Amino acid sequence: MGTERSAVTVIGLGQMGSALAATLLERGHPTTVWNRSAHKARALAERGARLAATPGEAVAASPLVIVCVLDYDALYATLDPVAGDLAGRSLVNLTSGSPEQAQEVAEWARSHSVDYLDGAIMTTPPGVGSPETMFLYSGSRTVLEAHRPTLAALGDPLHLGAEPGLASLYDAALLGLMWSTLTGWLHGTALVGAEKIQATAFTPVAIRWLSAVTGFLTTYAAQVDAGRYPGDDATVDVQIATIDHLLHAAATRGLDNALPELLKATMERTRDAGHGSDSYASVIEVLRKREAGA
């Protein structure tokens, strides 16, 4: 039996959009591309992509249209004029933005009879195409299932729910986790580096430690959902005392201590809120209150 691949259109050929289109071509999908600056499509055309002259031509070429542009202003500027051509087709939006923006596009798509799926790409362009890379989706599961083989060519497709803004919400939360983790690792690397220890020597130990930290996440997740934080491992009070060792070691070696000072201040607010004898997971109560403006 043949293994003919489904046709797909990619609108937007920045670094990420170009990576999406290149991966689809590599996996055998007939791929039509369009970009406001046509010269960005030349390399893809040389690899077999069909270069559309207009957004309307691009949309008409495929039942699945993937859009990945700079921002939502660019998205509307591109799609508004071709809304009629999109009717009855599947639109997957991989443009970075807020959950509220994703919801607005979902409403726009509904008003134009467009089947809509919002998405977030959890990698940089070189990671596109890896089966380990997560592509988060929210909105129409029907669109995902209808085009799963095509979308799976880009990475592992994870559907988070019917609410269109969920992919963007998870994206923001996961990026926050990434930045916090990377900055913590860099602070630790600077600390040991003050003693002439190479980053390449410290990092394998750090990675092994992070694998243990994932166990804390699993334990604490259940506590967060239950709203109960038994301090049977290490309490907030203990963590406050322990972070002083980090602050002293870093200050002695001339490091910027803004990050650990922020962490200690957050722990102290948690203690002052009555959670000193609770687990570290209780910090979420202070973070929630801050979000609510309390």
C-alpha atoms as a PDB file:
ATOM      1  CA  MET A   1       0.000   0.000   0.000  1.00  0.00           C
ATOM      2  CA  GLY A   2       1.120   3.569  -0.679  1.00  0.00           C
ATOM      3  CA  THR A   3       2.087   5.977   2.019  1.00  0.00           C
ATOM      4  CA  GLU A   4       1.023   9.231   0.389  1.00  0.00           C
ATOM      5  CA  ARG A   5       1.378  12.136   2.775  1.00  0.00           C
ATOM      6  CA  SER A   6      -1.273  14.816   3.237  1.00  0.00           C
ATOM      7  CA  ALA A   7      -0.784  18.272   1.761  1.00  0.00           C
ATOM      8  CA  VAL A   8      -0.148  21.125   4.164  1.00  0.00           C
ATOM      9  CA  THR A   9       0.353  24.881   3.941  1.00  0.00           C
ATOM     10  CA  VAL A  10       2.736  26.835   6.159  1.00  0.00           C
ATOM     11  CA  ILE A  11       2.228  30.594   6.431  1.00  0.00           C
ATOM     12  CA  GLY A  12       5.087  32.514   8.000  1.00  0.00           C
ATOM     13  CA  LEU A  13       8.706  31.660   7.293  1.00  0.00           C
ATOM     14  CA  GLY A  14      10.721  33.088  10.115  1.00  0.00           C
ATOM     15  CA  GLN A  15      13.193  30.733  11.753  1.00  0.00           C
ATOM     16  CA  MET A  16      10.456  28.619  13.323  1.00  0.00           C
ATOM     17  CA  GLY A  17       8.088  28.642  10.364  1.00  0.00           C
ATOM     18  CA  SER A  18      10.936  27.661   8.053  1.00  0.00           C
ATOM     19  CA  ALA A  19      11.834  24.793  10.382  1.00  0.00           C
ATOM     20  CA  LEU A  20       8.216  23.598  10.336  1.00  0.00           C
ATOM     21  CA  ALA A  21       8.058  23.676   6.545  1.00  0.00           C
ATOM     22  CA  ALA A  22      11.457  22.023   6.115  1.00  0.00           C
ATOM     23  CA  THR A  23      10.494  19.188   8.447  1.00  0.00           C
ATOM     24  CA  LEU A  24       7.207  18.584   6.632  1.00  0.00           C
ATOM     25  CA  LEU A  25       9.066  18.441   3.316  1.00  0.00           C
ATOM     26  CA  GLU A  26      11.596  15.994   4.762  1.00  0.00           C
ATOM     27  CA  ARG A  27       8.746  13.748   5.916  1.00  0.00           C
ATOM     28  CA  GLY A  28       7.239  13.689   2.428  1.00  0.00           C
ATOM     29  CA  HIS A  29       4.316  16.102   2.841  1.00  0.00           C
ATOM     30  CA  PRO A  30       3.451  18.212  -0.210  1.00  0.00           C
ATOM     31  CA  THR A  31       4.063  21.616   1.346  1.00  0.00           C
ATOM     32  CA  THR A  32       2.925  25.023   0.151  1.00  0.00           C
ATOM     33  CA  VAL A  33       4.526  28.056   1.751  1.00  0.00           C
ATOM     34  CA  TRP A  34       3.870  31.782   1.848  1.00  0.00           C
ATOM     35  CA  ASN A  35       5.698  34.615   3.526  1.00  0.00           C
ATOM     36  CA  ARG A  36       5.286  38.363   3.289  1.00  0.00           C
ATOM     37  CA  SER A  37       8.956  38.615   2.308  1.00  0.00           C
ATOM     38  CA  ALA A  38       9.081  36.116  -0.549  1.00  0.00           C
ATOM     39  CA  HIS A  39      12.876  35.730  -0.530  1.00  0.00           C
ATOM     40  CA  LYS A  40      12.616  33.730   2.696  1.00  0.00           C
ATOM     41  CA  ALA A  41      10.840  30.990   0.763  1.00  0.00           C
ATOM     42  CA  ARG A  42      13.542  30.450  -1.867  1.00  0.00           C
ATOM     43  CA  ALA A  43      15.531  27.848   0.055  1.00  0.00           C
ATOM     44  CA  LEU A  44      12.358  25.883   0.746  1.00  0.00           C
ATOM     45  CA  ALA A  45      11.277  26.133  -2.887  1.00  0.00           C
ATOM     46  CA  GLU A  46      14.630  24.663  -3.904  1.00  0.00           C
ATOM     47  CA  ARG A  47      13.863  21.718  -1.605  1.00  0.00           C
ATOM     48  CA  GLY A  48      10.489  21.086  -3.224  1.00  0.00           C
ATOM     49  CA  ALA A  49       8.054  23.425  -1.539  1.00  0.00           C
ATOM     50  CA  ARG A  50       5.416  25.127  -3.625  1.00  0.00           C
ATOM     51  CA  LEU A  51       5.726  28.888  -3.317  1.00  0.00           C
ATOM     52  CA  ALA A  52       2.313  30.576  -3.207  1.00  0.00           C
ATOM     53  CA  ALA A  53       2.078  34.092  -4.594  1.00  0.00           C
ATOM     54  CA  THR A  54      -0.635  35.191  -2.152  1.00  0.00           C
ATOM     55  CA  PRO A  55      -2.097  34.065   1.170  1.00  0.00           C
ATOM     56  CA  GLY A  56      -5.284  33.112  -0.674  1.00  0.00           C
ATOM     57  CA  GLU A  57      -3.360  30.818  -2.997  1.00  0.00           C
ATOM     58  CA  ALA A  58      -1.560  29.313  -0.015  1.00  0.00           C
ATOM     59  CA  VAL A  59      -4.793  28.613   1.840  1.00  0.00           C
ATOM     60  CA  ALA A  60      -6.465  27.086  -1.210  1.00  0.00           C
ATOM     61  CA  ALA A  61      -3.618  24.610  -1.689  1.00  0.00           C
ATOM     62  CA  SER A  62      -4.209  22.452   1.380  1.00  0.00           C
ATOM     63  CA  PRO A  63      -6.898  21.234   3.771  1.00  0.00           C
ATOM     64  CA  LEU A  64      -4.536  22.027   6.687  1.00  0.00           C
ATOM     65  CA  VAL A  65      -3.072  25.494   7.160  1.00  0.00           C
ATOM     66  CA  ILE A  66      -0.370  26.082   9.771  1.00  0.00           C
ATOM     67  CA  VAL A  67       0.342  29.696  10.633  1.00  0.00           C
ATOM     68  CA  CYS A  68       3.431  30.788  12.553  1.00  0.00           C
ATOM     69  CA  VAL A  69       3.999  34.517  12.280  1.00  0.00           C
ATOM     70  CA  LEU A  70       5.646  37.202  14.392  1.00  0.00           C
ATOM     71  CA  ASP A  71       2.617  38.255  16.424  1.00  0.00           C
ATOM     72  CA  TYR A  72      -1.154  38.432  16.419  1.00  0.00           C
ATOM     73  CA  ASP A  73      -1.252  41.701  14.495  1.00  0.00           C
ATOM     74  CA  ALA A  74       0.571  39.928  11.672  1.00  0.00           C
ATOM     75  CA  LEU A  75      -1.777  36.961  11.995  1.00  0.00           C
ATOM     76  CA  TYR A  76      -4.922  39.032  11.530  1.00  0.00           C
ATOM     77  CA  ALA A  77      -3.352  41.103   8.764  1.00  0.00           C
ATOM     78  CA  THR A  78      -2.618  37.894   6.885  1.00  0.00           C
ATOM     79  CA  LEU A  79      -5.768  35.901   7.578  1.00  0.00           C
ATOM     80  CA  ASP A  80      -8.546  38.497   7.623  1.00  0.00           C
ATOM     81  CA  PRO A  81      -8.468  38.990   3.830  1.00  0.00           C
ATOM     82  CA  VAL A  82      -8.635  35.217   3.206  1.00  0.00           C
ATOM     83  CA  ALA A  83     -11.174  34.276   5.888  1.00  0.00           C
ATOM     84  CA  GLY A  84     -13.630  33.126   3.226  1.00  0.00           C
ATOM     85  CA  ASP A  85     -11.033  30.810   1.683  1.00  0.00           C
ATOM     86  CA  LEU A  86     -10.318  29.289   5.097  1.00  0.00           C
ATOM     87  CA  ALA A  87     -13.948  28.299   5.684  1.00  0.00           C
ATOM     88  CA  GLY A  88     -14.226  24.526   6.001  1.00  0.00           C
ATOM     89  CA  ARG A  89     -10.473  24.074   6.371  1.00  0.00           C
ATOM     90  CA  SER A  90      -8.378  23.322   9.450  1.00  0.00           C
ATOM     91  CA  LEU A  91      -6.288  26.130  10.878  1.00  0.00           C
ATOM     92  CA  VAL A  92      -3.487  25.379  13.335  1.00  0.00           C
ATOM     93  CA  ASN A  93      -2.072  28.507  14.940  1.00  0.00           C
ATOM     94  CA  LEU A  94       1.480  28.184  16.252  1.00  0.00           C
ATOM     95  CA  THR A  95       2.009  31.923  16.743  1.00  0.00           C
ATOM     96  CA  SER A  96       3.278  32.757  20.230  1.00  0.00           C
ATOM     97  CA  GLY A  97       0.894  34.795  22.362  1.00  0.00           C
ATOM     98  CA  SER A  98      -1.301  34.931  25.426  1.00  0.00           C
ATOM     99  CA  PRO A  99      -4.217  32.633  26.321  1.00  0.00           C
ATOM    100  CA  GLU A 100      -6.568  35.568  25.780  1.00  0.00           C
ATOM    101  CA  GLN A 101      -5.238  36.121  22.270  1.00  0.00           C
ATOM    102  CA  ALA A 102      -5.707  32.439  21.472  1.00  0.00           C
ATOM    103  CA  GLN A 103      -9.305  32.633  22.661  1.00  0.00           C
ATOM    104  CA  GLU A 104      -9.946  35.650  20.453  1.00  0.00           C
ATOM    105  CA  VAL A 105      -8.594  33.842  17.387  1.00  0.00           C
ATOM    106  CA  ALA A 106     -10.751  30.829  18.220  1.00  0.00           C
ATOM    107  CA  GLU A 107     -13.805  33.092  18.240  1.00  0.00           C
ATOM    108  CA  TRP A 108     -12.672  34.686  14.976  1.00  0.00           C
ATOM    109  CA  ALA A 109     -12.274  31.232  13.418  1.00  0.00           C
ATOM    110  CA  ARG A 110     -15.693  30.127  14.652  1.00  0.00           C
ATOM    111  CA  SER A 111     -17.320  33.191  13.127  1.00  0.00           C
ATOM    112  CA  HIS A 112     -15.765  32.300   9.765  1.00  0.00           C
ATOM    113  CA  SER A 113     -16.560  28.546   9.911  1.00  0.00           C
ATOM    114  CA  VAL A 114     -12.897  27.622  10.282  1.00  0.00           C
ATOM    115  CA  ASP A 115     -11.890  24.542  12.282  1.00  0.00           C
ATOM    116  CA  TYR A 116      -9.334  25.870  14.754  1.00  0.00           C
ATOM    117  CA  LEU A 117      -6.581  24.369  16.869  1.00  0.00           C
ATOM    118  CA  ASP A 118      -4.205  26.500  18.924  1.00  0.00           C
ATOM    119  CA  GLY A 119      -0.688  25.330  19.605  1.00  0.00           C
ATOM    120  CA  ALA A 120       2.603  26.043  21.342  1.00  0.00           C
ATOM    121  CA  ILE A 121       5.991  24.757  20.232  1.00  0.00           C
ATOM    122  CA  MET A 122       8.138  23.651  23.162  1.00  0.00           C
ATOM    123  CA  THR A 123      11.502  23.824  21.427  1.00  0.00           C
ATOM    124  CA  THR A 124      13.750  26.040  19.371  1.00  0.00           C
ATOM    125  CA  PRO A 125      13.854  25.563  15.562  1.00  0.00           C
ATOM    126  CA  PRO A 126      16.560  22.842  15.587  1.00  0.00           C
ATOM    127  CA  GLY A 127      14.313  20.673  17.771  1.00  0.00           C
ATOM    128  CA  VAL A 128      11.413  20.590  15.314  1.00  0.00           C
ATOM    129  CA  GLY A 129      10.861  17.064  14.028  1.00  0.00           C
ATOM    130  CA  SER A 130      12.190  15.255  17.085  1.00  0.00           C
ATOM    131  CA  PRO A 131       9.713  12.757  18.552  1.00  0.00           C
ATOM    132  CA  GLU A 132      10.836  13.951  21.992  1.00  0.00           C
ATOM    133  CA  THR A 133       9.747  17.532  21.325  1.00  0.00           C
ATOM    134  CA  MET A 134       6.354  18.516  22.741  1.00  0.00           C
ATOM    135  CA  PHE A 135       3.856  20.402  20.622  1.00  0.00           C
ATOM    136  CA  LEU A 136       1.053  21.498  22.920  1.00  0.00           C
ATOM    137  CA  TYR A 137      -2.432  21.866  21.447  1.00  0.00           C
ATOM    138  CA  SER A 138      -5.767  23.073  22.731  1.00  0.00           C
ATOM    139  CA  GLY A 139      -9.124  23.613  21.111  1.00  0.00           C
ATOM    140  CA  SER A 140     -10.628  21.261  18.554  1.00  0.00           C
ATOM    141  CA  ARG A 141      -9.571  17.675  19.146  1.00  0.00           C
ATOM    142  CA  THR A 142     -11.255  16.878  15.832  1.00  0.00           C
ATOM    143  CA  VAL A 143      -8.633  18.930  14.004  1.00  0.00           C
ATOM    144  CA  LEU A 144      -5.815  17.178  15.844  1.00  0.00           C
ATOM    145  CA  GLU A 145      -7.128  13.701  15.132  1.00  0.00           C
ATOM    146  CA  ALA A 146      -7.896  14.487  11.489  1.00  0.00           C
ATOM    147  CA  HIS A 147      -4.345  15.700  10.926  1.00  0.00           C
ATOM    148  CA  ARG A 148      -2.432  13.774  13.568  1.00  0.00           C
ATOM    149  CA  PRO A 149       0.053  12.112  11.155  1.00  0.00           C
ATOM    150  CA  THR A 150       0.991  15.513   9.718  1.00  0.00           C
ATOM    151  CA  LEU A 151       1.280  17.236  13.090  1.00  0.00           C
ATOM    152  CA  ALA A 152       3.161  14.277  14.576  1.00  0.00           C
ATOM    153  CA  ALA A 153       5.852  14.818  11.929  1.00  0.00           C
ATOM    154  CA  LEU A 154       6.723  18.037  13.755  1.00  0.00           C
ATOM    155  CA  GLY A 155       6.903  16.548  17.268  1.00  0.00           C
ATOM    156  CA  ASP A 156       4.847  14.768  19.896  1.00  0.00           C
ATOM    157  CA  PRO A 157       1.333  16.308  19.805  1.00  0.00           C
ATOM    158  CA  LEU A 158      -0.236  16.682  23.258  1.00  0.00           C
ATOM    159  CA  HIS A 159      -3.868  17.811  23.443  1.00  0.00           C
ATOM    160  CA  LEU A 160      -4.520  19.697  26.690  1.00  0.00           C
ATOM    161  CA  GLY A 161      -8.253  20.291  26.419  1.00  0.00           C
ATOM    162  CA  ALA A 162     -11.035  22.031  24.554  1.00  0.00           C
ATOM    163  CA  GLU A 163     -10.338  25.521  25.939  1.00  0.00           C
ATOM    164  CA  PRO A 164      -8.327  27.238  23.157  1.00  0.00           C
ATOM    165  CA  GLY A 165      -6.108  29.221  25.530  1.00  0.00           C
ATOM    166  CA  LEU A 166      -4.683  26.216  27.370  1.00  0.00           C
ATOM    167  CA  ALA A 167      -1.709  25.672  25.063  1.00  0.00           C
ATOM    168  CA  SER A 168      -0.587  29.283  25.493  1.00  0.00           C
ATOM    169  CA  LEU A 169      -1.178  29.077  29.250  1.00  0.00           C
ATOM    170  CA  TYR A 170       0.966  25.949  29.570  1.00  0.00           C
ATOM    171  CA  ASP A 171       3.569  27.544  27.310  1.00  0.00           C
ATOM    172  CA  ALA A 172       3.906  30.566  29.607  1.00  0.00           C
ATOM    173  CA  ALA A 173       4.045  28.364  32.717  1.00  0.00           C
ATOM    174  CA  LEU A 174       6.662  26.046  31.230  1.00  0.00           C
ATOM    175  CA  LEU A 175       8.823  28.912  29.992  1.00  0.00           C
ATOM    176  CA  GLY A 176       8.767  30.344  33.516  1.00  0.00           C
ATOM    177  CA  LEU A 177       9.951  26.975  34.788  1.00  0.00           C
ATOM    178  CA  MET A 178      12.701  26.889  32.164  1.00  0.00           C
ATOM    179  CA  TRP A 179      14.018  30.378  32.931  1.00  0.00           C
ATOM    180  CA  SER A 180      13.980  29.747  36.674  1.00  0.00           C
ATOM    181  CA  THR A 181      15.790  26.438  36.235  1.00  0.00           C
ATOM    182  CA  LEU A 182      18.385  27.792  33.826  1.00  0.00           C
ATOM    183  CA  THR A 183      19.096  30.832  35.996  1.00  0.00           C
ATOM    184  CA  GLY A 184      19.428  28.640  39.083  1.00  0.00           C
ATOM    185  CA  TRP A 185      21.842  26.396  37.202  1.00  0.00           C
ATOM    186  CA  LEU A 186      23.856  29.397  35.998  1.00  0.00           C
ATOM    187  CA  HIS A 187      24.054  30.788  39.547  1.00  0.00           C
ATOM    188  CA  GLY A 188      25.272  27.410  40.793  1.00  0.00           C
ATOM    189  CA  THR A 189      27.724  27.193  37.900  1.00  0.00           C
ATOM    190  CA  ALA A 190      29.074  30.638  38.771  1.00  0.00           C
ATOM    191  CA  LEU A 191      29.393  29.600  42.418  1.00  0.00           C
ATOM    192  CA  VAL A 192      31.471  26.502  41.759  1.00  0.00           C
ATOM    193  CA  GLY A 193      33.239  28.319  38.932  1.00  0.00           C
ATOM    194  CA  ALA A 194      34.623  30.750  41.485  1.00  0.00           C
ATOM    195  CA  GLU A 195      36.702  27.768  42.640  1.00  0.00           C
ATOM    196  CA  LYS A 196      37.892  27.037  39.090  1.00  0.00           C
ATOM    197  CA  ILE A 197      35.427  24.182  38.592  1.00  0.00           C
ATOM    198  CA  GLN A 198      34.383  23.872  34.957  1.00  0.00           C
ATOM    199  CA  ALA A 199      30.719  24.075  33.986  1.00  0.00           C
ATOM    200  CA  THR A 200      31.133  20.777  32.154  1.00  0.00           C
ATOM    201  CA  ALA A 201      32.245  19.147  35.402  1.00  0.00           C
ATOM    202  CA  PHE A 202      29.434  20.626  37.504  1.00  0.00           C
ATOM    203  CA  THR A 203      26.590  20.056  35.061  1.00  0.00           C
ATOM    204  CA  PRO A 204      26.377  16.227  35.155  1.00  0.00           C
ATOM    205  CA  VAL A 205      26.026  16.455  38.940  1.00  0.00           C
ATOM    206  CA  ALA A 206      23.403  19.185  38.542  1.00  0.00           C
ATOM    207  CA  ILE A 207      21.439  17.069  36.070  1.00  0.00           C
ATOM    208  CA  ARG A 208      21.498  14.112  38.433  1.00  0.00           C
ATOM    209  CA  TRP A 209      20.203  16.404  41.194  1.00  0.00           C
ATOM    210  CA  LEU A 210      17.419  17.684  38.936  1.00  0.00           C
ATOM    211  CA  SER A 211      16.256  14.105  38.418  1.00  0.00           C
ATOM    212  CA  ALA A 212      15.783  13.922  42.199  1.00  0.00           C
ATOM    213  CA  VAL A 213      13.967  17.262  42.180  1.00  0.00           C
ATOM    214  CA  THR A 214      11.385  15.819  39.784  1.00  0.00           C
ATOM    215  CA  GLY A 215      10.445  13.455  42.594  1.00  0.00           C
ATOM    216  CA  PHE A 216       9.720  16.446  44.811  1.00  0.00           C
ATOM    217  CA  LEU A 217       7.481  17.859  42.075  1.00  0.00           C
ATOM    218  CA  THR A 218       5.423  14.688  41.967  1.00  0.00           C
ATOM    219  CA  THR A 219       5.053  14.630  45.753  1.00  0.00           C
ATOM    220  CA  TYR A 220       4.248  18.313  46.022  1.00  0.00           C
ATOM    221  CA  ALA A 221       1.738  18.275  43.160  1.00  0.00           C
ATOM    222  CA  ALA A 222      -0.606  16.089  45.188  1.00  0.00           C
ATOM    223  CA  GLN A 223      -0.183  18.413  48.180  1.00  0.00           C
ATOM    224  CA  VAL A 224      -0.996  21.475  46.071  1.00  0.00           C
ATOM    225  CA  ASP A 225      -4.167  19.858  44.728  1.00  0.00           C
ATOM    226  CA  ALA A 226      -5.214  18.845  48.244  1.00  0.00           C
ATOM    227  CA  GLY A 227      -4.300  22.197  49.794  1.00  0.00           C
ATOM    228  CA  ARG A 228      -2.432  20.381  52.580  1.00  0.00           C
ATOM    229  CA  TYR A 229       1.345  20.596  53.005  1.00  0.00           C
ATOM    230  CA  PRO A 230       2.632  18.103  55.568  1.00  0.00           C
ATOM    231  CA  GLY A 231       6.153  19.096  56.552  1.00  0.00           C
ATOM    232  CA  ASP A 232       7.441  15.575  56.858  1.00  0.00           C
ATOM    233  CA  ASP A 233      10.383  16.027  54.506  1.00  0.00           C
ATOM    234  CA  ALA A 234      11.832  19.533  54.848  1.00  0.00           C
ATOM    235  CA  THR A 235       9.857  22.446  56.192  1.00  0.00           C
ATOM    236  CA  VAL A 236       9.907  26.046  55.013  1.00  0.00           C
ATOM    237  CA  ASP A 237      11.745  26.984  58.232  1.00  0.00           C
ATOM    238  CA  VAL A 238      14.479  24.480  57.404  1.00  0.00           C
ATOM    239  CA  GLN A 239      14.733  25.787  53.836  1.00  0.00           C
ATOM    240  CA  ILE A 240      15.142  29.373  55.116  1.00  0.00           C
ATOM    241  CA  ALA A 241      18.030  28.313  57.307  1.00  0.00           C
ATOM    242  CA  THR A 242      19.593  26.306  54.491  1.00  0.00           C
ATOM    243  CA  ILE A 243      19.450  29.058  51.868  1.00  0.00           C
ATOM    244  CA  ASP A 244      21.563  31.231  54.142  1.00  0.00           C
ATOM    245  CA  HIS A 245      24.458  28.874  53.393  1.00  0.00           C
ATOM    246  CA  LEU A 246      24.030  29.565  49.672  1.00  0.00           C
ATOM    247  CA  LEU A 247      23.800  33.313  50.242  1.00  0.00           C
ATOM    248  CA  HIS A 248      26.966  33.321  52.364  1.00  0.00           C
ATOM    249  CA  ALA A 249      28.972  31.167  49.952  1.00  0.00           C
ATOM    250  CA  ALA A 250      27.932  33.258  46.968  1.00  0.00           C
ATOM    251  CA  ALA A 251      28.482  36.617  48.669  1.00  0.00           C
ATOM    252  CA  THR A 252      31.946  35.525  49.824  1.00  0.00           C
ATOM    253  CA  ARG A 253      32.833  34.802  46.199  1.00  0.00           C
ATOM    254  CA  GLY A 254      31.440  38.072  44.884  1.00  0.00           C
ATOM    255  CA  LEU A 255      28.387  36.691  43.079  1.00  0.00           C
ATOM    256  CA  ASP A 256      25.164  38.533  42.360  1.00  0.00           C
ATOM    257  CA  ASN A 257      22.715  37.162  44.917  1.00  0.00           C
ATOM    258  CA  ALA A 258      19.484  38.658  43.544  1.00  0.00           C
ATOM    259  CA  LEU A 259      17.977  35.249  42.762  1.00  0.00           C
ATOM    260  CA  PRO A 260      18.579  33.491  46.107  1.00  0.00           C
ATOM    261  CA  GLU A 261      17.629  36.691  47.959  1.00  0.00           C
ATOM    262  CA  LEU A 262      14.315  36.692  46.104  1.00  0.00           C
ATOM    263  CA  LEU A 263      13.799  33.034  46.962  1.00  0.00           C
ATOM    264  CA  LYS A 264      14.543  33.635  50.634  1.00  0.00           C
ATOM    265  CA  ALA A 265      12.165  36.591  50.756  1.00  0.00           C
ATOM    266  CA  THR A 266       9.425  34.413  49.267  1.00  0.00           C
ATOM    267  CA  MET A 267      10.094  31.702  51.835  1.00  0.00           C
ATOM    268  CA  GLU A 268       9.949  34.276  54.631  1.00  0.00           C
ATOM    269  CA  ARG A 269       6.598  35.551  53.392  1.00  0.00           C
ATOM    270  CA  THR A 270       5.395  31.956  53.403  1.00  0.00           C
ATOM    271  CA  ARG A 271       6.609  31.486  56.983  1.00  0.00           C
ATOM    272  CA  ASP A 272       4.976  34.744  58.052  1.00  0.00           C
ATOM    273  CA  ALA A 273       1.719  33.520  56.522  1.00  0.00           C
ATOM    274  CA  GLY A 274       1.781  30.586  58.965  1.00  0.00           C
ATOM    275  CA  HIS A 275       3.441  27.892  56.846  1.00  0.00           C
ATOM    276  CA  GLY A 276       6.857  27.694  58.525  1.00  0.00           C
ATOM    277  CA  SER A 277       6.294  24.082  59.607  1.00  0.00           C
ATOM    278  CA  ASP A 278       4.777  23.070  56.264  1.00  0.00           C
ATOM    279  CA  SER A 279       6.509  21.661  53.202  1.00  0.00           C
ATOM    280  CA  TYR A 280       8.016  23.878  50.515  1.00  0.00           C
ATOM    281  CA  ALA A 281       4.899  23.314  48.422  1.00  0.00           C
ATOM    282  CA  SER A 282       3.084  25.747  50.725  1.00  0.00           C
ATOM    283  CA  VAL A 283       4.917  28.598  48.986  1.00  0.00           C
ATOM    284  CA  ILE A 284       2.175  28.381  46.369  1.00  0.00           C
ATOM    285  CA  GLU A 285      -0.239  29.925  48.860  1.00  0.00           C
ATOM    286  CA  VAL A 286       1.841  33.110  48.931  1.00  0.00           C
ATOM    287  CA  LEU A 287       2.201  33.112  45.142  1.00  0.00           C
ATOM    288  CA  ARG A 288      -1.565  32.748  44.710  1.00  0.00           C
ATOM    289  CA  LYS A 289      -2.264  35.598  47.115  1.00  0.00           C
ATOM    290  CA  ARG A 290       0.178  37.811  45.253  1.00  0.00           C
ATOM    291  CA  GLU A 291      -1.578  37.028  41.967  1.00  0.00           C
ATOM    292  CA  ALA A 292      -4.928  37.880  43.549  1.00  0.00           C
ATOM    293  CA  GLY A 293      -3.580  41.202  44.818  1.00  0.00           C
ATOM    294  CA  ALA A 294      -3.906  40.239  48.495  1.00  0.00           C
END
